[in-house]
Amino acid sequence: MTFSELNLLPPILKAVSACGYTEPTPVQAEAIPKALEGRDLMATAQTGTGKTAAFVLPALQRLALPAQKPGRGPRVLVLTPTRELAQQVTDAVRSYGKLLRIRSGSILGGMPYREQLRLLSAPVDLIVATPGRLVDLLDRGKLNLSRLEVLVLDEADRMLDMGFSDDVDKIAGAAPTDRQTLLFTATMDNTMARLASRLLRDPERIEIATPKTTHEHIEQRLHVADDLSHKNRLLQHLITRDELKKAIIFSATKRDAENMAIELRSQGHSAAALHGDMPQNARNRTIAAMKQGRIRLLVATDVAARGLDVSGISHVINFDLPKFAEDYVHRIGRTGRAGASGIAISFASLSEVSYLARIERYIGQSIPEHRIQGLEPSRPLSRVSANRGSRPGTGTGGPRKNYGNRDAARTGNRSGGAKRTPWGKQTSSNGPIVEYRNSKGRQGSRPS
């Protein structure tokens, strides 16, 4: 199948062709025709499968038609969990809609209100937004969703993980009930099913890949580490290899990411941090520098696990294993994109056995262990089979134990207390802190 067979308008087809695309991905081939029919969609597909175009192209086609209602509010609203993903969607709208006369923009936390209020002061066709800032503008009476025709929830599972369920419900409640709703998620569970039942009307169900599926063209490797110092030595070896062109190094906390980037730069590496405490302009500059090749090593928290699309990422290194198994799939999906090959390397110490067990149960396979001569672990890691234990996606791995080393305290066991790591970072005894929004809409933080 080609894009020309999807009944898209000539200006959209011309823009897609100019981007170098001729054949739709499976999720695009399934979703675009149904979305053009006006059906509500509930689509499950993993990261890197082309979900963005699957909803942007039919949304642009809708905007090429006259508006159904007068007013200034948006006709299409795309909600994303992170600013990085919102920027990716905004770029796609500009690329695919460059030959159409539409007015679009983004509403994101961390950006000046003045520019966003200016965007809303005149009729606007499409808005890409993060839930928190959009609710703020709704509460201020600065945004009217009465003429909304299409509501898109991108990475809906991540929005719920970040505590935005009430915000999403409030936004949907302010929109017309006869709108079209497109929900895209990488994982599907009971919580997601309940959200879909509240917001969607007789949705068409699309499932391209199960959440346990990982990219076949990404080579996965596991390196067992005795402690944090051992992890540091493994990292130093890997980042000096010629095969590593560009890499994202995932760290557990924002402070860890910042201090690791500082240390790497002091060693002569072109490195930078990316995390949620950075102003949006700084995050944009960092991502742009990575795309332009001025940064080789990006040290990031899970804010970069979804929505960050940089070509040429040869390696992903999980310096710290993610707490949630599904985040492992999203992290390693930063490499091996658009058919390219990639390498995903994970470090695991004794204190991370439970995390590793969750991941391997979730993906349904054991990650092959690799060893580097001269950097072998002093003792083997007792691994839990990927094919036994709790059901996929919910493995608990049992209570975490204090093994008496600094790495155990660093990864968040409660008995270890807060300790200072060799990177010079203070870590919480209760694990990394993540932003969230509580049931009353107040922002705060909590242990992830």
Protein backbone atom coordinates (compact mmCIF):
# COMPACT_ATOMS: atom_id res chain seq x y z
CA MET A 1 0.00 0.00 0.00
CA THR A 2 1.11 3.57 -0.71
CA PHE A 3 -0.02 6.84 0.82
CA SER A 4 -1.78 7.68 -2.43
CA GLU A 5 -4.19 4.80 -1.75
CA LEU A 6 -5.35 6.31 1.54
CA ASN A 7 -7.57 8.98 -0.10
CA LEU A 8 -5.56 11.85 1.34
CA LEU A 9 -5.76 15.28 -0.30
CA PRO A 10 -3.08 16.15 -2.91
CA PRO A 11 -1.42 18.89 -0.78
CA ILE A 12 -0.99 16.42 2.08
CA LEU A 13 0.33 13.70 -0.23
CA LYS A 14 2.79 16.15 -1.76
CA ALA A 15 4.08 17.17 1.68
CA VAL A 16 4.40 13.55 2.80
CA SER A 17 6.30 12.71 -0.38
CA ALA A 18 8.61 15.68 0.19
CA CYS A 19 9.48 14.17 3.56
CA GLY A 20 10.62 11.02 1.74
CA TYR A 21 7.73 8.74 2.71
CA THR A 22 5.94 6.56 0.17
CA GLU A 23 4.48 3.63 2.11
CA PRO A 24 2.52 3.91 5.37
CA THR A 25 3.56 1.92 8.41
CA PRO A 26 1.09 -0.73 9.66
CA VAL A 27 -0.46 1.57 12.26
CA GLN A 28 -0.84 4.32 9.65
CA ALA A 29 -2.41 1.93 7.13
CA GLU A 30 -4.91 0.75 9.76
CA ALA A 31 -5.69 4.03 11.51
CA ILE A 32 -5.81 6.64 8.75
CA PRO A 33 -8.75 5.20 6.73
CA LYS A 34 -10.84 4.66 9.88
CA ALA A 35 -10.01 8.13 11.20
CA LEU A 36 -11.00 9.67 7.85
CA GLU A 37 -14.38 7.95 8.24
CA GLY A 38 -14.88 9.83 11.49
CA ARG A 39 -14.63 6.78 13.75
CA ASP A 40 -13.29 6.95 17.30
CA LEU A 41 -10.09 4.93 17.57
CA MET A 42 -8.34 3.06 20.37
CA ALA A 43 -4.96 2.12 18.94
CA THR A 44 -2.16 0.19 20.63
CA ALA A 45 1.24 0.40 19.00
CA GLN A 46 4.73 0.63 20.41
CA THR A 47 6.96 3.66 20.17
CA GLY A 48 8.67 4.32 16.83
CA THR A 49 5.90 2.78 14.70
CA GLY A 50 4.65 6.00 13.13
CA LYS A 51 1.72 6.83 15.42
CA THR A 52 2.22 10.57 14.98
CA ALA A 53 1.40 10.58 11.27
CA ALA A 54 -1.44 8.14 11.94
CA PHE A 55 -3.42 10.91 13.63
CA VAL A 56 -1.82 14.07 12.19
CA LEU A 57 -2.63 13.26 8.55
CA PRO A 58 -6.39 12.64 9.05
CA ALA A 59 -6.54 15.68 11.35
CA LEU A 60 -5.04 17.86 8.61
CA GLN A 61 -7.54 16.44 6.13
CA ARG A 62 -10.34 17.44 8.50
CA LEU A 63 -8.94 20.96 8.76
CA ALA A 64 -8.92 21.32 4.96
CA LEU A 65 -12.74 21.29 5.16
CA PRO A 66 -14.80 24.25 6.43
CA ALA A 67 -15.26 24.47 10.20
CA GLN A 68 -18.49 23.02 11.56
CA LYS A 69 -18.90 25.83 14.13
CA PRO A 70 -17.77 29.46 14.28
CA GLY A 71 -15.44 30.68 16.98
CA ARG A 72 -11.79 31.06 17.94
CA GLY A 73 -11.11 27.82 19.76
CA PRO A 74 -9.20 24.94 18.17
CA ARG A 75 -10.85 22.43 15.87
CA VAL A 76 -8.24 19.79 16.66
CA LEU A 77 -6.53 19.29 20.02
CA VAL A 78 -3.63 16.87 20.55
CA LEU A 79 -2.72 16.07 24.16
CA THR A 80 0.72 14.65 24.92
CA PRO A 81 2.33 13.76 28.27
CA THR A 82 5.66 15.54 27.73
CA ARG A 83 6.95 18.68 26.10
CA GLU A 84 9.37 16.68 23.96
CA LEU A 85 6.56 14.64 22.47
CA ALA A 86 4.50 17.79 21.96
CA GLN A 87 7.37 19.35 20.02
CA GLN A 88 7.64 16.24 17.85
CA VAL A 89 3.93 16.40 17.03
CA THR A 90 4.14 20.14 16.36
CA ASP A 91 7.01 19.57 13.92
CA ALA A 92 4.99 16.86 12.15
CA VAL A 93 2.00 19.19 11.80
CA ARG A 94 4.21 21.85 10.23
CA SER A 95 5.88 19.37 7.87
CA TYR A 96 2.75 17.56 6.66
CA GLY A 97 0.55 20.66 6.65
CA LYS A 98 2.94 23.12 5.04
CA LEU A 99 0.87 23.30 1.84
CA LEU A 100 -2.39 23.89 3.72
CA ARG A 101 -3.61 27.18 5.11
CA ILE A 102 -3.98 26.24 8.76
CA ARG A 103 -3.00 27.99 11.97
CA SER A 104 -1.43 25.79 14.63
CA GLY A 105 0.63 26.13 17.77
CA SER A 106 1.56 24.55 21.07
CA ILE A 107 0.58 25.17 24.69
CA LEU A 108 3.19 23.78 27.05
CA GLY A 109 4.22 24.14 30.64
CA GLY A 110 7.47 25.99 31.15
CA MET A 111 6.80 28.38 28.28
CA PRO A 112 5.69 32.06 28.59
CA TYR A 113 1.95 32.60 28.94
CA ARG A 114 2.08 35.70 26.74
CA GLU A 115 2.88 33.78 23.56
CA GLN A 116 0.21 31.20 24.28
CA LEU A 117 -2.43 33.84 25.00
CA ARG A 118 -1.52 35.52 21.72
CA LEU A 119 -2.05 32.19 19.95
CA LEU A 120 -5.54 31.90 21.45
CA SER A 121 -6.51 35.52 20.76
CA ALA A 122 -7.28 34.71 17.11
CA PRO A 123 -8.97 31.71 15.48
CA VAL A 124 -6.70 28.65 15.66
CA ASP A 125 -7.13 25.34 13.88
CA LEU A 126 -4.89 22.90 15.76
CA ILE A 127 -3.26 22.96 19.17
CA VAL A 128 -0.73 20.54 20.61
CA ALA A 129 -0.66 20.72 24.40
CA THR A 130 0.40 19.15 27.66
CA PRO A 131 -2.54 18.65 30.06
CA GLY A 132 -1.39 20.77 33.00
CA ARG A 133 -0.95 24.07 31.15
CA LEU A 134 -4.10 23.51 29.11
CA VAL A 135 -6.19 23.07 32.28
CA ASP A 136 -4.66 26.25 33.70
CA LEU A 137 -5.85 28.18 30.64
CA LEU A 138 -9.27 26.54 30.81
CA ASP A 139 -9.61 27.54 34.46
CA ARG A 140 -8.65 31.12 33.57
CA GLY A 141 -11.31 31.25 30.90
CA LYS A 142 -8.70 31.82 28.18
CA LEU A 143 -9.53 28.72 26.15
CA ASN A 144 -12.82 27.69 24.58
CA LEU A 145 -13.20 24.13 23.31
CA SER A 146 -16.80 24.47 22.14
CA ARG A 147 -15.94 24.04 18.47
CA LEU A 148 -13.51 21.13 18.94
CA GLU A 149 -14.00 18.46 16.29
CA VAL A 150 -11.13 16.05 17.04
CA LEU A 151 -9.47 15.21 20.36
CA VAL A 152 -6.26 13.14 20.18
CA LEU A 153 -4.67 11.49 23.22
CA ASP A 154 -1.10 10.57 22.30
CA GLU A 155 0.79 8.23 24.65
CA ALA A 156 -2.31 8.11 26.85
CA ASP A 157 -0.79 5.48 29.12
CA ARG A 158 2.07 7.80 29.99
CA MET A 159 -0.36 10.61 30.80
CA LEU A 160 -2.09 8.37 33.31
CA ASP A 161 1.26 7.26 34.76
CA MET A 162 2.10 10.94 35.35
CA GLY A 163 -1.16 11.53 37.21
CA PHE A 164 -3.03 13.52 34.55
CA SER A 165 -6.20 11.41 34.56
CA ASP A 166 -8.34 14.14 36.15
CA ASP A 167 -6.93 16.76 33.79
CA VAL A 168 -7.74 14.63 30.76
CA ASP A 169 -11.30 14.10 32.02
CA LYS A 170 -11.71 17.83 32.61
CA ILE A 171 -10.46 18.71 29.13
CA ALA A 172 -12.72 16.11 27.51
CA GLY A 173 -15.65 17.41 29.56
CA ALA A 174 -15.12 20.90 28.15
CA ALA A 175 -15.28 19.62 24.56
CA PRO A 176 -18.43 18.77 22.57
CA THR A 177 -19.79 15.26 23.11
CA ASP A 178 -20.07 14.69 19.36
CA ARG A 179 -16.34 15.15 18.79
CA GLN A 180 -14.13 12.44 17.30
CA THR A 181 -11.64 10.99 19.81
CA LEU A 182 -8.45 9.17 18.82
CA LEU A 183 -6.60 7.41 21.64
CA PHE A 184 -3.08 6.08 21.04
CA THR A 185 -1.24 4.09 23.68
CA ALA A 186 1.76 1.78 23.90
CA THR A 187 0.22 -0.33 26.66
CA MET A 188 -3.30 -1.45 27.47
CA ASP A 189 -4.54 -2.34 30.94
CA ASN A 190 -7.72 -1.99 32.97
CA THR A 191 -7.05 1.65 33.80
CA MET A 192 -6.62 2.48 30.13
CA ALA A 193 -9.76 0.52 29.26
CA ARG A 194 -11.76 2.54 31.79
CA LEU A 195 -10.44 5.80 30.32
CA ALA A 196 -11.42 4.66 26.84
CA SER A 197 -14.92 3.72 28.01
CA ARG A 198 -15.38 7.23 29.44
CA LEU A 199 -14.09 9.20 26.46
CA LEU A 200 -14.70 7.13 23.31
CA ARG A 201 -17.89 6.23 21.50
CA ASP A 202 -18.01 2.76 19.96
CA PRO A 203 -14.30 2.91 19.11
CA GLU A 204 -12.56 0.95 16.41
CA ARG A 205 -9.89 -1.19 18.07
CA ILE A 206 -6.44 -1.30 16.43
CA GLU A 207 -3.58 -3.34 17.84
CA ILE A 208 -0.37 -3.35 15.85
CA ALA A 209 2.05 -4.70 18.43
CA THR A 210 1.69 -5.97 21.95
CA PRO A 211 3.38 -3.86 24.62
CA LYS A 212 5.85 -6.70 25.29
CA THR A 213 7.21 -6.52 21.76
CA THR A 214 10.62 -4.93 21.37
CA HIS A 215 12.28 -3.98 18.11
CA GLU A 216 13.89 -6.95 16.42
CA HIS A 217 16.62 -4.77 14.93
CA ILE A 218 17.79 -3.59 18.37
CA GLU A 219 20.45 -5.78 19.93
CA GLN A 220 19.91 -6.00 23.67
CA ARG A 221 22.80 -6.59 26.06
CA LEU A 222 23.09 -6.90 29.83
CA HIS A 223 26.21 -6.06 31.84
CA VAL A 224 26.24 -7.19 35.46
CA ALA A 225 27.84 -4.66 37.80
CA ASP A 226 29.13 -5.23 41.33
CA ASP A 227 28.39 -1.68 42.47
CA LEU A 228 28.18 1.91 41.29
CA SER A 229 31.94 2.19 40.79
CA HIS A 230 31.81 -0.85 38.52
CA LYS A 231 28.99 0.77 36.51
CA ASN A 232 31.13 3.86 36.06
CA ARG A 233 34.04 1.80 34.72
CA LEU A 234 31.73 -0.05 32.32
CA LEU A 235 30.36 3.26 31.06
CA GLN A 236 33.83 4.71 30.55
CA HIS A 237 34.79 1.70 28.44
CA LEU A 238 31.66 1.83 26.29
CA ILE A 239 31.67 5.54 25.50
CA THR A 240 35.23 5.40 24.20
CA ARG A 241 34.38 2.75 21.61
CA ASP A 242 34.36 3.84 17.97
CA GLU A 243 31.12 1.93 17.31
CA LEU A 244 29.27 4.32 19.63
CA LYS A 245 28.30 7.27 17.45
CA LYS A 246 25.55 8.91 19.50
CA ALA A 247 24.11 7.61 22.75
CA ILE A 248 21.41 8.34 25.26
CA ILE A 249 22.38 7.35 28.80
CA PHE A 250 19.37 6.90 31.08
CA SER A 251 19.74 7.87 34.70
CA ALA A 252 17.31 7.43 37.60
CA THR A 253 17.09 11.05 38.78
CA LYS A 254 17.39 14.57 37.47
CA ARG A 255 20.33 15.32 39.74
CA ASP A 256 22.11 12.18 38.61
CA ALA A 257 21.67 13.20 34.98
CA GLU A 258 22.97 16.72 35.56
CA ASN A 259 26.02 15.64 37.52
CA MET A 260 26.89 12.78 35.18
CA ALA A 261 26.79 15.14 32.20
CA ILE A 262 29.08 17.57 34.04
CA GLU A 263 31.53 14.77 34.83
CA LEU A 264 31.53 13.51 31.24
CA ARG A 265 32.20 16.99 29.92
CA SER A 266 35.11 17.37 32.34
CA GLN A 267 36.57 14.22 30.77
CA GLY A 268 36.44 15.78 27.31
CA HIS A 269 33.20 14.24 26.03
CA SER A 270 30.53 16.29 24.24
CA ALA A 271 27.74 15.59 26.71
CA ALA A 272 24.60 17.28 28.04
CA ALA A 273 21.73 16.52 30.40
CA LEU A 274 18.02 16.42 29.63
CA HIS A 275 15.47 16.34 32.43
CA GLY A 276 12.18 17.82 33.57
CA ASP A 277 13.62 20.65 35.69
CA MET A 278 15.22 22.31 32.68
CA PRO A 279 13.39 25.28 31.09
CA GLN A 280 11.75 24.38 27.81
CA ASN A 281 14.06 26.62 25.79
CA ALA A 282 17.09 24.87 27.30
CA ARG A 283 15.59 21.47 26.50
CA ASN A 284 14.93 22.55 22.93
CA ARG A 285 18.52 23.77 22.52
CA THR A 286 19.88 20.51 23.91
CA ILE A 287 17.78 18.39 21.56
CA ALA A 288 18.74 20.58 18.60
CA ALA A 289 22.43 20.22 19.48
CA MET A 290 22.00 16.45 19.64
CA LYS A 291 20.34 16.41 16.21
CA GLN A 292 23.10 18.58 14.74
CA GLY A 293 25.81 16.29 16.09
CA ARG A 294 27.25 18.81 18.55
CA ILE A 295 26.34 16.49 21.44
CA ARG A 296 27.39 12.86 21.36
CA LEU A 297 26.24 11.74 24.82
CA LEU A 298 22.83 12.77 26.18
CA VAL A 299 22.27 11.89 29.83
CA ALA A 300 18.54 11.82 30.41
CA THR A 301 15.78 10.84 32.76
CA ASP A 302 12.65 9.14 31.49
CA VAL A 303 11.41 12.49 30.21
CA ALA A 304 13.32 11.48 27.04
CA ALA A 305 11.99 7.93 26.85
CA ARG A 306 8.99 8.97 24.79
CA GLY A 307 8.77 11.65 22.16
CA LEU A 308 12.48 12.17 21.58
CA ASP A 309 13.16 11.39 17.93
CA VAL A 310 16.81 11.93 16.98
CA SER A 311 18.29 10.10 14.02
CA GLY A 312 21.60 8.34 14.33
CA ILE A 313 21.31 7.17 17.95
CA SER A 314 23.52 4.10 17.81
CA HIS A 315 23.31 3.17 21.50
CA VAL A 316 20.99 3.45 24.46
CA ILE A 317 22.64 2.78 27.81
CA ASN A 318 20.49 2.12 30.87
CA PHE A 319 22.90 3.22 33.58
CA ASP A 320 19.97 2.72 35.97
CA LEU A 321 17.23 0.22 35.14
CA PRO A 322 13.76 1.77 34.96
CA LYS A 323 11.34 1.08 37.78
CA PHE A 324 8.47 0.40 35.37
CA ALA A 325 9.09 -2.39 32.89
CA GLU A 326 7.23 -0.72 30.03
CA ASP A 327 9.64 2.24 30.26
CA TYR A 328 12.43 -0.14 29.24
CA VAL A 329 10.73 -0.67 25.87
CA HIS A 330 10.33 3.07 25.36
CA ARG A 331 13.90 3.81 26.36
CA ILE A 332 15.50 1.34 23.98
CA GLY A 333 13.14 2.52 21.23
CA ARG A 334 15.22 5.72 21.01
CA THR A 335 17.68 3.70 18.91
CA GLY A 336 16.99 1.47 15.93
CA ARG A 337 14.43 3.88 14.52
CA ALA A 338 13.16 4.03 10.93
CA GLY A 339 14.56 0.60 10.13
CA ALA A 340 18.09 1.30 11.36
CA SER A 341 19.89 -1.04 13.73
CA GLY A 342 20.82 -0.13 17.28
CA ILE A 343 22.30 -1.46 20.49
CA ALA A 344 20.63 -1.23 23.91
CA ILE A 345 22.90 -1.88 26.89
CA SER A 346 21.63 -2.23 30.46
CA PHE A 347 23.65 -2.26 33.66
CA ALA A 348 22.26 -4.33 36.53
CA SER A 349 23.57 -4.73 40.07
CA LEU A 350 22.38 -6.98 42.87
CA SER A 351 20.03 -4.28 44.11
CA GLU A 352 18.31 -4.17 40.70
CA VAL A 353 17.43 -7.86 40.40
CA SER A 354 13.73 -7.17 40.90
CA TYR A 355 13.73 -4.46 38.20
CA LEU A 356 15.49 -6.79 35.78
CA ALA A 357 12.99 -9.56 36.54
CA ARG A 358 10.07 -7.23 35.77
CA ILE A 359 11.60 -6.19 32.48
CA GLU A 360 12.34 -9.73 31.33
CA ARG A 361 8.87 -10.93 32.28
CA TYR A 362 7.37 -7.97 30.48
CA ILE A 363 9.25 -8.51 27.21
CA GLY A 364 8.99 -12.29 27.51
CA GLN A 365 12.69 -12.99 27.08
CA SER A 366 15.99 -12.90 28.93
CA ILE A 367 18.41 -10.15 27.99
CA PRO A 368 21.70 -11.78 26.90
CA GLU A 369 24.53 -11.14 29.34
CA HIS A 370 27.77 -9.73 27.95
CA ARG A 371 31.13 -9.38 29.66
CA ILE A 372 34.05 -7.09 28.95
CA GLN A 373 37.51 -8.51 29.49
CA GLY A 374 39.00 -6.96 32.59
CA LEU A 375 35.60 -5.63 33.76
CA GLU A 376 33.91 -8.90 34.67
CA PRO A 377 31.66 -8.90 37.75
CA SER A 378 33.10 -10.52 40.86
CA ARG A 379 29.97 -12.58 41.40
CA PRO A 380 27.12 -13.71 39.14
CA LEU A 381 23.69 -12.13 39.25
CA SER A 382 20.93 -14.42 40.47
CA ARG A 383 18.34 -13.95 37.74
CA VAL A 384 14.65 -14.75 37.73
CA SER A 385 13.39 -16.54 34.64
CA ALA A 386 11.53 -14.35 32.17
CA ASN A 387 8.95 -17.10 31.71
CA ARG A 388 7.88 -17.66 35.30
CA GLY A 389 6.73 -15.62 38.24
CA SER A 390 4.06 -12.96 38.06
CA ARG A 391 2.13 -12.27 34.91
CA PRO A 392 3.71 -10.04 32.25
CA GLY A 393 3.76 -6.37 33.06
CA THR A 394 3.06 -6.78 36.78
CA GLY A 395 6.13 -8.59 38.11
CA THR A 396 6.99 -7.45 41.58
CA GLY A 397 10.24 -9.30 42.07
CA GLY A 398 9.61 -9.36 45.83
CA PRO A 399 10.75 -6.87 48.44
CA ARG A 400 13.99 -5.02 47.83
CA LYS A 401 16.89 -5.94 50.10
CA ASN A 402 19.80 -3.97 51.45
CA TYR A 403 22.87 -5.73 50.14
CA GLY A 404 25.15 -3.40 52.04
CA ASN A 405 26.62 -1.61 49.04
CA ARG A 406 26.35 1.99 47.89
CA ASP A 407 24.51 1.05 44.73
CA ALA A 408 21.70 -0.50 46.76
CA ALA A 409 21.12 2.80 48.51
CA ARG A 410 21.36 4.69 45.22
CA THR A 411 18.58 2.74 43.54
CA GLY A 412 16.12 3.39 46.29
CA ASN A 413 15.85 0.68 48.98
CA ARG A 414 14.37 2.09 52.13
CA SER A 415 16.93 0.77 54.58
CA GLY A 416 19.91 2.23 52.74
CA GLY A 417 19.12 5.89 53.36
CA ALA A 418 20.27 8.78 51.20
CA LYS A 419 23.91 8.55 50.18
CA ARG A 420 26.30 10.48 48.04
CA THR A 421 27.40 8.76 44.88
CA PRO A 422 30.77 9.03 43.10
CA TRP A 423 29.11 11.44 40.64
CA GLY A 424 28.57 13.81 43.58
CA LYS A 425 24.79 13.41 43.59
CA GLN A 426 22.45 13.16 46.56
CA THR A 427 19.82 10.49 46.07
CA SER A 428 16.60 9.83 47.93
CA SER A 429 16.15 6.70 49.98
CA ASN A 430 12.71 6.36 48.46
CA GLY A 431 13.77 6.44 44.83
CA PRO A 432 13.69 9.17 42.17
CA ILE A 433 11.21 12.02 42.43
CA VAL A 434 8.79 12.59 39.58
CA GLU A 435 6.29 15.34 38.86
CA TYR A 436 2.63 14.56 39.20
CA ARG A 437 -0.76 16.21 39.48
CA ASN A 438 -3.02 15.13 42.32
CA SER A 439 -6.77 14.63 42.34
CA LYS A 440 -7.33 18.29 43.17
CA GLY A 441 -5.21 19.47 40.28
CA ARG A 442 -2.30 20.68 42.38
CA GLN A 443 1.17 20.01 41.15
CA GLY A 444 3.71 18.35 43.41
CA SER A 445 6.24 15.59 43.58
CA ARG A 446 6.37 12.07 44.90
CA PRO A 447 8.68 9.07 44.87
CA SER A 448 8.38 7.39 41.48
